[in-house]
Amino acid sequence: MTTTPTGAASVVTPPRAAADHDGVAPVPASMRTSTPAAFGWIWPSAQFSFGTVVLGALPVVFGLGWWASASAIAVGVAVGTVLLAPLARFGVRTGTNDPVASGAHFGVRGRVVGNALTVVTALGFFAIAVWTGGTAVMVAGHRLLSTPTGPGALTAAMGVTAAAVALVAVRGHEALVRTYRVTAVTGGAVLLGTVLVLAPRFDAGYAGGTLALDSGLHTWLLAATASATVPLSYATFQGDYTRFMPAATPTRRVMRASGTAMFLSSLAALLTGAYVTTLFPVPDEPWLQGLTDAVPGWFAVAVVVFGFAGTLPQAGLCLYAAGLSANSVFWRSSRAAVTTAVALLAAAVLYLGAVVYDAMDAMSAFVTLLLTVVAPWAAVLSVGYVLHRGRYDAEALRSFTVGGGGRYWYTGGVNARAAAAFAAGSVVGVLWVNNPLYTGPLTGLTGGVDLSLPASFAVAAALYGVLCRIWPEPPPPLPARP
């Protein structure tokens, strides 16, 4: 095995990967033509979908009034965005997606942590997005045309939607970006239209209902925690797009663009969900049925159209990310082939989830899971970026294609420092969760207050920093010559 001057293993680029720059190989400089402004289309198109909007119902379902719900959403989204935005730097610095880039800190083999998080997160949100979109088409179609409802009708609506999503995701980055430019605008128009048509019935003095937890503060923290997971759930996805930005792009500009677009779009989507839910006779009734019943009959047409079209960007973003991440495991195959296989798996997950689980409970459990495992992963990368001074060896990140070795091999391909910090943060996060589904034992230390987000992130960040100080990692590569 030969090595490069920086100590990285000489990496062989598979023929298919060489031909398909939308795969795991670093994006060539000639193709890195995107700009941070692209996030102005990417995040709004993903967030302006029913799959995200419906999550805004959770604070109201938890019993909070309008202003308490709005403040919990705003604070939660801000916290999640602050944790998310710094990760946008990795794709720019490495030219690869985030799970592959995470190998710089977790080790070339340890990157599978990021792979697993990406695939699980993406498949879960794909299922939520397509389920909500398919349900919107079904219930609004029934109101307009008296079309059938029930499992068969829902399966048909989801099947058509999932097939369209898979087609866009398999085609890759350029097809997705073109889709985002259209759906960001149309999605925003539908959300604005929803707010306007329901404005005469909206009461900002809505006081809420029975609290999910034993006090208003604890319930508010529960709602804020759930809201924080919305931006944070995209933590492993940003590199899918920043890798197409030139290496010389200022990282502060990338962080600012990603963070601003994510905060504003998540805030608009979740506030719309809460706004609509305050009008329901029973807050926890099926959200899309409640929306369809609340809007005028003529506006139900927009619900049908957006239930289908609005699902494409969010579900497509998720499926593309899952396929790209899986491609770094099955790297000998093309990204398109791997994404097709992942799409079939996603369809199975979607069908089982829609039939077996109650939607609201499943979503609440899902966002809690994301919080406890994605936050410490993000913490390791954020601290690692600082310790490595933002300098990475892109070729060494892909030494898994030649059997290992190189700068990021660490011990057997795993960096024990990062693995220990991630595990400790995840455990602490799980133990500090407090919601209607599960109460961790550490919540007794804080009077029942849910500190899973800050605790899991802080523990992982602090432990990784301490371990790297006691047991220093190899130095980063030297800065590139001008």
Protein backbone atom coordinates (compact mmCIF):
# COMPACT_ATOMS: atom_id res chain seq x y z
CA MET A 1 0.00 0.00 0.00
CA THR A 2 1.38 3.37 -0.95
CA THR A 3 0.90 6.58 0.99
CA THR A 4 0.56 10.21 0.10
CA PRO A 5 2.93 12.85 1.53
CA THR A 6 0.34 13.59 4.24
CA GLY A 7 0.28 10.00 5.39
CA ALA A 8 -3.07 9.05 3.88
CA ALA A 9 -3.54 5.73 2.23
CA SER A 10 -3.55 5.85 -1.56
CA VAL A 11 -7.20 5.65 -2.43
CA VAL A 12 -8.54 3.83 -5.44
CA THR A 13 -11.61 5.43 -6.96
CA PRO A 14 -13.96 2.73 -8.28
CA PRO A 15 -14.85 3.16 -11.96
CA ARG A 16 -18.51 3.81 -11.20
CA ALA A 17 -17.67 6.33 -8.52
CA ALA A 18 -15.30 8.09 -10.87
CA ALA A 19 -18.09 8.41 -13.42
CA ASP A 20 -20.70 9.35 -10.84
CA HIS A 21 -19.51 12.44 -8.97
CA ASP A 22 -22.82 12.36 -7.13
CA GLY A 23 -21.46 9.40 -5.16
CA VAL A 24 -19.00 9.18 -2.26
CA ALA A 25 -15.90 10.33 -4.13
CA PRO A 26 -14.83 13.92 -3.32
CA VAL A 27 -16.56 16.31 -5.70
CA PRO A 28 -14.04 17.63 -8.27
CA ALA A 29 -13.22 21.32 -8.05
CA SER A 30 -14.72 21.90 -11.51
CA MET A 31 -18.12 20.73 -10.25
CA ARG A 32 -18.10 22.67 -6.99
CA THR A 33 -20.11 25.59 -8.28
CA SER A 34 -22.86 25.89 -5.69
CA THR A 35 -23.07 28.80 -3.23
CA PRO A 36 -24.27 29.23 0.36
CA ALA A 37 -27.35 31.00 -1.02
CA ALA A 38 -28.59 27.56 -2.12
CA PHE A 39 -29.71 26.99 1.46
CA GLY A 40 -32.35 29.63 0.78
CA TRP A 41 -34.03 27.00 -1.39
CA ILE A 42 -32.92 23.77 0.32
CA TRP A 43 -34.20 24.31 3.86
CA PRO A 44 -37.49 26.10 3.07
CA SER A 45 -38.42 23.46 0.51
CA ALA A 46 -37.83 20.73 3.10
CA GLN A 47 -39.54 22.51 5.99
CA PHE A 48 -42.53 23.86 4.06
CA SER A 49 -44.09 20.41 3.91
CA PHE A 50 -46.78 18.75 5.97
CA GLY A 51 -44.19 16.33 7.32
CA THR A 52 -42.61 19.22 9.25
CA VAL A 53 -45.67 21.43 9.74
CA VAL A 54 -47.50 18.67 11.59
CA LEU A 55 -44.75 18.63 14.24
CA GLY A 56 -45.80 22.14 15.18
CA ALA A 57 -48.96 20.62 16.63
CA LEU A 58 -47.02 18.99 19.47
CA PRO A 59 -46.85 22.01 21.85
CA VAL A 60 -50.63 22.47 21.57
CA VAL A 61 -51.23 18.73 21.94
CA PHE A 62 -49.07 18.89 25.08
CA GLY A 63 -51.61 21.39 26.48
CA LEU A 64 -49.83 24.73 25.97
CA GLY A 65 -51.62 27.91 24.94
CA TRP A 66 -50.77 29.83 21.78
CA TRP A 67 -48.13 32.17 23.18
CA ALA A 68 -46.48 29.45 25.25
CA SER A 69 -46.43 27.20 22.17
CA ALA A 70 -44.98 29.95 19.99
CA SER A 71 -42.23 30.80 22.48
CA ALA A 72 -41.32 27.13 22.99
CA ILE A 73 -41.07 26.66 19.23
CA ALA A 74 -38.94 29.78 18.78
CA VAL A 75 -36.50 28.89 21.55
CA GLY A 76 -36.30 25.23 20.56
CA VAL A 77 -35.68 26.01 16.89
CA ALA A 78 -33.00 28.55 17.84
CA VAL A 79 -31.16 26.02 20.00
CA GLY A 80 -31.37 23.32 17.35
CA THR A 81 -30.14 25.72 14.68
CA VAL A 82 -27.14 26.81 16.76
CA LEU A 83 -26.10 23.18 17.06
CA LEU A 84 -26.74 22.46 13.40
CA ALA A 85 -25.12 25.38 11.56
CA PRO A 86 -21.43 24.70 12.45
CA LEU A 87 -21.65 21.29 10.78
CA ALA A 88 -22.16 22.96 7.40
CA ARG A 89 -18.40 23.53 7.27
CA PHE A 90 -17.45 19.88 6.75
CA GLY A 91 -18.67 19.47 3.18
CA VAL A 92 -16.83 22.62 2.13
CA ARG A 93 -13.58 21.48 3.75
CA THR A 94 -13.68 17.86 2.56
CA GLY A 95 -15.77 17.76 -0.61
CA THR A 96 -17.61 14.74 0.85
CA ASN A 97 -20.85 14.13 2.68
CA ASP A 98 -21.00 14.36 6.47
CA PRO A 99 -20.90 10.64 7.39
CA VAL A 100 -17.72 10.20 5.34
CA ALA A 101 -16.26 13.43 6.75
CA SER A 102 -17.02 12.22 10.29
CA GLY A 103 -14.34 9.57 9.77
CA ALA A 104 -11.79 12.28 10.56
CA HIS A 105 -12.99 12.18 14.17
CA PHE A 106 -14.66 8.80 14.59
CA GLY A 107 -12.14 6.91 12.45
CA VAL A 108 -12.49 5.51 8.96
CA ARG A 109 -14.49 2.57 10.29
CA GLY A 110 -16.08 4.58 13.06
CA ARG A 111 -17.81 6.66 10.38
CA VAL A 112 -20.49 3.94 10.37
CA VAL A 113 -21.99 5.76 13.38
CA GLY A 114 -22.76 8.67 11.05
CA ASN A 115 -23.93 6.26 8.35
CA ALA A 116 -26.37 4.58 10.73
CA LEU A 117 -27.67 7.88 12.10
CA THR A 118 -28.20 9.24 8.61
CA VAL A 119 -30.02 6.19 7.31
CA VAL A 120 -32.28 5.81 10.37
CA THR A 121 -33.03 9.53 10.52
CA ALA A 122 -33.64 9.77 6.80
CA LEU A 123 -35.90 6.72 6.61
CA GLY A 124 -37.90 7.91 9.60
CA PHE A 125 -38.49 11.37 8.18
CA PHE A 126 -39.12 9.94 4.72
CA ALA A 127 -41.89 7.83 6.23
CA ILE A 128 -43.36 10.79 8.13
CA ALA A 129 -43.23 13.05 5.07
CA VAL A 130 -44.81 10.57 2.66
CA TRP A 131 -47.38 9.45 5.24
CA THR A 132 -48.51 12.99 5.92
CA GLY A 133 -48.47 13.90 2.23
CA GLY A 134 -50.40 10.79 1.27
CA THR A 135 -52.91 11.36 4.06
CA ALA A 136 -53.42 14.96 2.93
CA VAL A 137 -54.16 13.79 -0.59
CA MET A 138 -56.55 11.13 0.68
CA VAL A 139 -58.62 13.21 3.12
CA ALA A 140 -58.76 16.33 0.94
CA GLY A 141 -59.61 14.22 -2.10
CA HIS A 142 -62.43 12.62 -0.15
CA ARG A 143 -63.84 16.01 0.77
CA LEU A 144 -63.64 17.30 -2.79
CA LEU A 145 -64.52 14.24 -4.86
CA SER A 146 -65.83 11.70 -2.31
CA THR A 147 -62.95 9.39 -3.16
CA PRO A 148 -62.42 6.41 -0.84
CA THR A 149 -60.59 6.56 2.48
CA GLY A 150 -59.03 3.84 4.59
CA PRO A 151 -55.92 1.68 4.39
CA GLY A 152 -56.29 0.88 0.70
CA ALA A 153 -56.74 4.50 -0.36
CA LEU A 154 -53.89 5.64 1.90
CA THR A 155 -51.59 2.95 0.53
CA ALA A 156 -52.35 4.05 -3.02
CA ALA A 157 -51.76 7.74 -2.23
CA MET A 158 -48.52 6.97 -0.42
CA GLY A 159 -47.38 4.65 -3.20
CA VAL A 160 -47.73 7.29 -5.90
CA THR A 161 -46.03 9.90 -3.72
CA ALA A 162 -43.17 7.57 -2.75
CA ALA A 163 -42.56 6.61 -6.38
CA ALA A 164 -42.26 10.27 -7.40
CA VAL A 165 -39.89 10.95 -4.50
CA ALA A 166 -37.72 7.96 -5.40
CA LEU A 167 -37.47 9.11 -9.01
CA VAL A 168 -36.16 12.54 -7.98
CA ALA A 169 -33.78 11.16 -5.33
CA VAL A 170 -32.28 8.55 -7.65
CA ARG A 171 -31.59 11.20 -10.28
CA GLY A 172 -29.47 13.03 -7.71
CA HIS A 173 -28.27 16.44 -6.63
CA GLU A 174 -29.17 18.53 -9.67
CA ALA A 175 -32.71 17.15 -9.91
CA LEU A 176 -33.25 17.80 -6.22
CA VAL A 177 -31.99 21.38 -6.38
CA ARG A 178 -34.27 22.14 -9.34
CA THR A 179 -37.19 20.72 -7.38
CA TYR A 180 -36.30 22.83 -4.33
CA ARG A 181 -36.46 26.06 -6.30
CA VAL A 182 -40.08 25.41 -7.19
CA THR A 183 -41.37 23.87 -3.98
CA ALA A 184 -39.81 26.44 -1.66
CA VAL A 185 -41.94 29.13 -3.28
CA THR A 186 -45.12 27.08 -3.65
CA GLY A 187 -44.78 25.68 -0.14
CA GLY A 188 -44.40 29.11 1.36
CA ALA A 189 -47.45 30.29 -0.58
CA VAL A 190 -49.56 27.39 0.73
CA LEU A 191 -48.52 28.02 4.34
CA LEU A 192 -49.27 31.71 3.99
CA GLY A 193 -52.59 30.91 2.37
CA THR A 194 -53.45 28.54 5.23
CA VAL A 195 -52.77 31.26 7.79
CA LEU A 196 -54.83 33.83 5.88
CA VAL A 197 -57.92 31.67 5.26
CA LEU A 198 -58.03 30.63 8.93
CA ALA A 199 -57.25 34.10 10.35
CA PRO A 200 -60.90 35.02 11.02
CA ARG A 201 -61.23 32.03 13.37
CA PHE A 202 -57.84 32.28 15.08
CA ASP A 203 -57.70 33.43 18.71
CA ALA A 204 -54.29 34.49 19.99
CA GLY A 205 -55.68 34.17 23.50
CA TYR A 206 -56.04 30.40 23.15
CA ALA A 207 -55.21 29.13 26.65
CA GLY A 208 -54.45 25.48 25.96
CA GLY A 209 -55.74 22.33 27.61
CA THR A 210 -54.62 19.65 30.01
CA LEU A 211 -50.86 19.77 30.41
CA ALA A 212 -48.86 16.73 29.39
CA LEU A 213 -46.52 17.10 32.40
CA ASP A 214 -47.04 18.26 35.96
CA SER A 215 -46.38 21.96 35.39
CA GLY A 216 -46.43 24.60 32.69
CA LEU A 217 -42.63 25.00 32.82
CA HIS A 218 -41.93 21.31 32.41
CA THR A 219 -44.43 21.04 29.56
CA TRP A 220 -42.93 24.11 27.91
CA LEU A 221 -39.46 22.53 28.09
CA LEU A 222 -40.87 19.34 26.58
CA ALA A 223 -42.26 21.37 23.67
CA ALA A 224 -39.01 23.30 23.25
CA THR A 225 -37.04 20.05 23.25
CA ALA A 226 -39.28 18.57 20.55
CA SER A 227 -38.92 21.74 18.47
CA ALA A 228 -35.12 21.70 18.79
CA THR A 229 -34.95 18.28 17.17
CA VAL A 230 -36.48 19.61 13.94
CA PRO A 231 -33.38 21.52 12.76
CA LEU A 232 -31.00 19.17 14.58
CA SER A 233 -32.43 16.17 12.74
CA TYR A 234 -30.75 17.50 9.57
CA ALA A 235 -27.31 17.43 11.23
CA THR A 236 -26.01 14.61 9.03
CA PHE A 237 -27.44 16.01 5.77
CA GLN A 238 -25.74 19.38 5.17
CA GLY A 239 -22.63 17.94 3.58
CA ASP A 240 -24.77 16.50 0.79
CA TYR A 241 -24.97 20.09 -0.49
CA THR A 242 -21.96 21.96 0.92
CA ARG A 243 -19.61 19.49 -0.81
CA PHE A 244 -20.69 21.15 -4.06
CA MET A 245 -19.46 24.54 -2.80
CA PRO A 246 -15.89 25.65 -3.66
CA ALA A 247 -13.25 24.84 -1.04
CA ALA A 248 -12.43 28.55 -0.76
CA THR A 249 -15.98 29.46 0.30
CA PRO A 250 -15.79 31.31 3.66
CA THR A 251 -17.11 28.92 6.29
CA ARG A 252 -18.74 31.71 8.28
CA ARG A 253 -20.79 32.59 5.25
CA VAL A 254 -21.87 28.96 4.87
CA MET A 255 -22.84 28.70 8.54
CA ARG A 256 -24.74 31.98 8.42
CA ALA A 257 -26.67 31.01 5.28
CA SER A 258 -27.57 27.55 6.55
CA GLY A 259 -28.50 28.76 10.03
CA THR A 260 -30.63 31.67 8.85
CA ALA A 261 -32.54 29.61 6.29
CA MET A 262 -33.08 26.76 8.75
CA PHE A 263 -34.25 28.99 11.61
CA LEU A 264 -36.70 31.02 9.56
CA SER A 265 -38.16 28.09 7.62
CA SER A 266 -38.49 25.84 10.68
CA LEU A 267 -40.07 28.65 12.67
CA ALA A 268 -42.61 29.39 9.92
CA ALA A 269 -43.51 25.72 9.46
CA LEU A 270 -43.89 24.85 13.15
CA LEU A 271 -45.77 28.03 14.02
CA THR A 272 -48.20 27.27 11.20
CA GLY A 273 -48.74 23.79 12.63
CA ALA A 274 -49.43 25.18 16.10
CA TYR A 275 -51.64 27.95 14.69
CA VAL A 276 -53.85 25.46 12.86
CA THR A 277 -54.04 23.08 15.83
CA THR A 278 -55.47 25.76 18.15
CA LEU A 279 -58.59 25.70 15.94
CA PHE A 280 -59.26 21.98 16.37
CA PRO A 281 -62.15 20.96 18.66
CA VAL A 282 -59.84 18.25 20.02
CA PRO A 283 -56.12 19.17 19.76
CA ASP A 284 -54.90 15.60 19.34
CA GLU A 285 -57.26 14.65 16.52
CA PRO A 286 -55.54 13.54 13.28
CA TRP A 287 -53.87 16.75 12.16
CA LEU A 288 -54.46 16.54 8.43
CA GLN A 289 -58.10 15.61 8.91
CA GLY A 290 -58.45 18.59 11.24
CA LEU A 291 -56.77 20.88 8.71
CA THR A 292 -58.99 19.70 5.87
CA ASP A 293 -62.10 20.19 8.00
CA ALA A 294 -60.98 23.66 9.11
CA VAL A 295 -60.19 25.24 5.72
CA PRO A 296 -62.85 26.30 3.17
CA GLY A 297 -63.77 23.72 0.58
CA TRP A 298 -62.07 25.58 -2.26
CA PHE A 299 -58.77 25.65 -0.33
CA ALA A 300 -58.82 21.86 -0.01
CA VAL A 301 -57.55 21.82 -3.59
CA ALA A 302 -54.32 23.41 -2.36
CA VAL A 303 -54.12 20.76 0.36
CA VAL A 304 -54.33 17.97 -2.24
CA VAL A 305 -51.75 19.53 -4.53
CA PHE A 306 -49.36 20.42 -1.74
CA GLY A 307 -49.85 17.08 -0.02
CA PHE A 308 -48.24 15.55 -3.11
CA ALA A 309 -45.86 18.23 -4.40
CA GLY A 310 -44.82 19.46 -0.95
CA THR A 311 -43.69 15.98 -0.01
CA LEU A 312 -41.16 15.71 -2.83
CA PRO A 313 -38.42 17.98 -1.44
CA GLN A 314 -38.39 16.81 2.18
CA ALA A 315 -38.79 13.12 1.42
CA GLY A 316 -36.43 13.45 -1.55
CA LEU A 317 -33.79 15.14 0.61
CA CYS A 318 -34.07 12.31 3.13
CA LEU A 319 -33.97 9.50 0.59
CA TYR A 320 -31.03 11.08 -1.24
CA ALA A 321 -29.12 11.39 2.05
CA ALA A 322 -29.86 7.79 3.01
CA GLY A 323 -28.75 6.54 -0.40
CA LEU A 324 -25.58 8.62 -0.36
CA SER A 325 -24.71 7.43 3.14
CA ALA A 326 -25.38 3.80 2.28
CA ASN A 327 -23.22 4.26 -0.81
CA SER A 328 -20.19 4.88 1.42
CA VAL A 329 -20.76 1.37 2.82
CA PHE A 330 -21.59 -0.28 -0.52
CA TRP A 331 -19.10 1.90 -2.35
CA ARG A 332 -18.45 -0.53 -5.18
CA SER A 333 -21.98 0.10 -6.46
CA SER A 334 -23.22 3.32 -8.01
CA ARG A 335 -25.09 5.86 -5.90
CA ALA A 336 -28.16 5.48 -8.11
CA ALA A 337 -28.28 1.71 -7.61
CA VAL A 338 -27.83 1.98 -3.84
CA THR A 339 -30.45 4.73 -3.62
CA THR A 340 -32.91 2.55 -5.51
CA ALA A 341 -32.36 -0.26 -3.01
CA VAL A 342 -32.77 2.17 -0.10
CA ALA A 343 -36.00 3.46 -1.68
CA LEU A 344 -37.45 -0.06 -1.59
CA LEU A 345 -36.47 -0.38 2.07
CA ALA A 346 -38.00 3.02 2.76
CA ALA A 347 -41.25 1.93 1.13
CA ALA A 348 -41.39 -1.08 3.42
CA VAL A 349 -40.71 1.07 6.50
CA LEU A 350 -43.39 3.49 5.36
CA TYR A 351 -46.02 0.80 4.93
CA LEU A 352 -45.30 -0.85 8.26
CA GLY A 353 -45.17 2.44 10.11
CA ALA A 354 -48.41 3.75 8.63
CA VAL A 355 -50.29 0.55 9.45
CA VAL A 356 -48.84 -0.45 12.82
CA TYR A 357 -48.13 2.74 14.79
CA ASP A 358 -50.20 5.63 16.04
CA ALA A 359 -48.83 8.65 14.18
CA MET A 360 -48.58 11.25 16.95
CA ASP A 361 -47.02 8.91 19.49
CA ALA A 362 -44.59 7.59 16.89
CA MET A 363 -43.49 11.10 15.94
CA SER A 364 -42.97 12.11 19.55
CA ALA A 365 -40.87 9.01 20.22
CA PHE A 366 -38.96 9.52 17.01
CA VAL A 367 -37.89 13.10 17.68
CA THR A 368 -36.81 12.10 21.19
CA LEU A 369 -34.65 9.33 19.73
CA LEU A 370 -33.09 11.79 17.31
CA LEU A 371 -32.30 14.20 20.11
CA THR A 372 -30.46 11.68 22.23
CA VAL A 373 -28.19 10.26 19.52
CA VAL A 374 -27.72 13.01 16.95
CA ALA A 375 -26.78 15.72 19.48
CA PRO A 376 -23.65 13.94 20.85
CA TRP A 377 -22.57 13.01 17.32
CA ALA A 378 -22.84 16.69 16.35
CA ALA A 379 -20.93 17.65 19.50
CA VAL A 380 -17.96 15.44 18.60
CA LEU A 381 -17.77 16.91 15.11
CA SER A 382 -18.12 20.50 16.32
CA VAL A 383 -15.31 20.11 18.87
CA GLY A 384 -13.24 18.10 16.44
CA TYR A 385 -13.44 20.80 13.80
CA VAL A 386 -11.91 23.28 16.24
CA LEU A 387 -9.21 20.86 17.37
CA HIS A 388 -8.29 20.03 13.78
CA ARG A 389 -8.35 23.73 12.86
CA GLY A 390 -10.74 22.99 10.03
CA ARG A 391 -8.06 21.13 8.05
CA TYR A 392 -8.82 17.70 6.60
CA ASP A 393 -7.29 15.19 4.22
CA ALA A 394 -10.12 14.22 1.87
CA GLU A 395 -8.30 11.25 0.37
CA ALA A 396 -7.49 9.76 3.79
CA LEU A 397 -11.21 9.84 4.63
CA ARG A 398 -11.80 7.29 1.90
CA SER A 399 -9.10 4.79 2.80
CA PHE A 400 -11.90 2.27 3.41
CA THR A 401 -11.86 1.71 -0.37
CA VAL A 402 -8.39 0.11 -0.12
CA GLY A 403 -8.72 -1.74 3.16
CA GLY A 404 -7.86 1.02 5.63
CA GLY A 405 -4.78 2.82 6.87
CA GLY A 406 -3.84 6.46 6.68
CA ARG A 407 -4.21 9.52 8.88
CA TYR A 408 -7.68 8.68 10.19
CA TRP A 409 -7.21 4.99 10.84
CA TYR A 410 -6.55 5.54 14.58
CA THR A 411 -6.85 2.09 16.27
CA GLY A 412 -8.33 -0.52 13.98
CA GLY A 413 -10.22 2.19 12.12
CA VAL A 414 -11.97 3.61 15.21
CA ASN A 415 -11.11 6.66 17.30
CA ALA A 416 -11.82 5.52 20.85
CA ARG A 417 -11.93 9.13 22.10
CA ALA A 418 -14.85 10.04 19.85
CA ALA A 419 -16.62 6.71 20.37
CA ALA A 420 -16.46 7.05 24.17
CA ALA A 421 -17.69 10.66 24.09
CA PHE A 422 -20.55 9.80 21.75
CA ALA A 423 -21.62 6.82 23.86
CA ALA A 424 -21.48 8.78 27.12
CA GLY A 425 -23.49 11.67 25.65
CA SER A 426 -26.12 9.32 24.25
CA VAL A 427 -26.56 7.51 27.56
CA VAL A 428 -26.86 10.74 29.54
CA GLY A 429 -29.37 12.07 27.02
CA VAL A 430 -31.57 9.01 27.30
CA LEU A 431 -31.44 9.15 31.10
CA TRP A 432 -32.56 12.82 31.10
CA VAL A 433 -35.53 12.49 28.75
CA ASN A 434 -38.92 13.40 30.22
CA ASN A 435 -42.00 13.11 28.04
CA PRO A 436 -45.35 11.30 28.12
CA LEU A 437 -43.79 8.16 26.66
CA TYR A 438 -40.71 7.79 28.85
CA THR A 439 -39.18 9.38 31.93
CA GLY A 440 -35.46 8.95 32.56
CA PRO A 441 -34.14 8.56 36.12
CA LEU A 442 -31.97 11.69 36.00
CA THR A 443 -35.00 13.95 35.57
CA GLY A 444 -35.53 13.69 39.32
CA LEU A 445 -32.41 15.80 39.80
CA THR A 446 -34.05 18.73 38.04
CA GLY A 447 -37.62 18.43 39.21
CA GLY A 448 -38.71 16.61 36.09
CA VAL A 449 -37.20 19.13 33.66
CA ASP A 450 -36.07 17.53 30.38
CA LEU A 451 -32.39 18.34 29.86
CA SER A 452 -31.69 15.63 27.30
CA LEU A 453 -30.60 18.04 24.56
CA PRO A 454 -28.10 20.21 26.43
CA ALA A 455 -26.94 17.31 28.59
CA SER A 456 -26.17 14.91 25.74
CA PHE A 457 -24.42 17.59 23.69
CA ALA A 458 -22.46 19.05 26.61
CA VAL A 459 -21.29 15.69 27.97
CA ALA A 460 -20.08 14.50 24.56
CA ALA A 461 -18.35 17.80 23.77
CA ALA A 462 -16.63 18.07 27.15
CA LEU A 463 -15.52 14.44 27.30
CA TYR A 464 -14.15 14.47 23.75
CA GLY A 465 -12.21 17.66 24.47
CA VAL A 466 -10.75 16.24 27.68
CA LEU A 467 -9.80 12.93 26.09
CA CYS A 468 -8.07 14.71 23.20
CA ARG A 469 -6.13 16.82 25.68
CA ILE A 470 -5.02 13.80 27.71
CA TRP A 471 -4.52 11.59 24.69
CA PRO A 472 -3.76 13.91 21.72
CA GLU A 473 -4.84 12.95 18.25
CA PRO A 474 -2.40 13.13 15.32
CA PRO A 475 -1.97 16.72 14.09
CA PRO A 476 -4.08 17.91 11.17
CA PRO A 477 -2.50 18.20 7.73
CA LEU A 478 -0.53 21.32 6.95
CA PRO A 479 -2.42 24.20 5.33
CA ALA A 480 -2.57 24.02 1.55
CA ARG A 481 -0.09 26.27 -0.22
CA PRO A 482 -1.57 29.34 -1.92
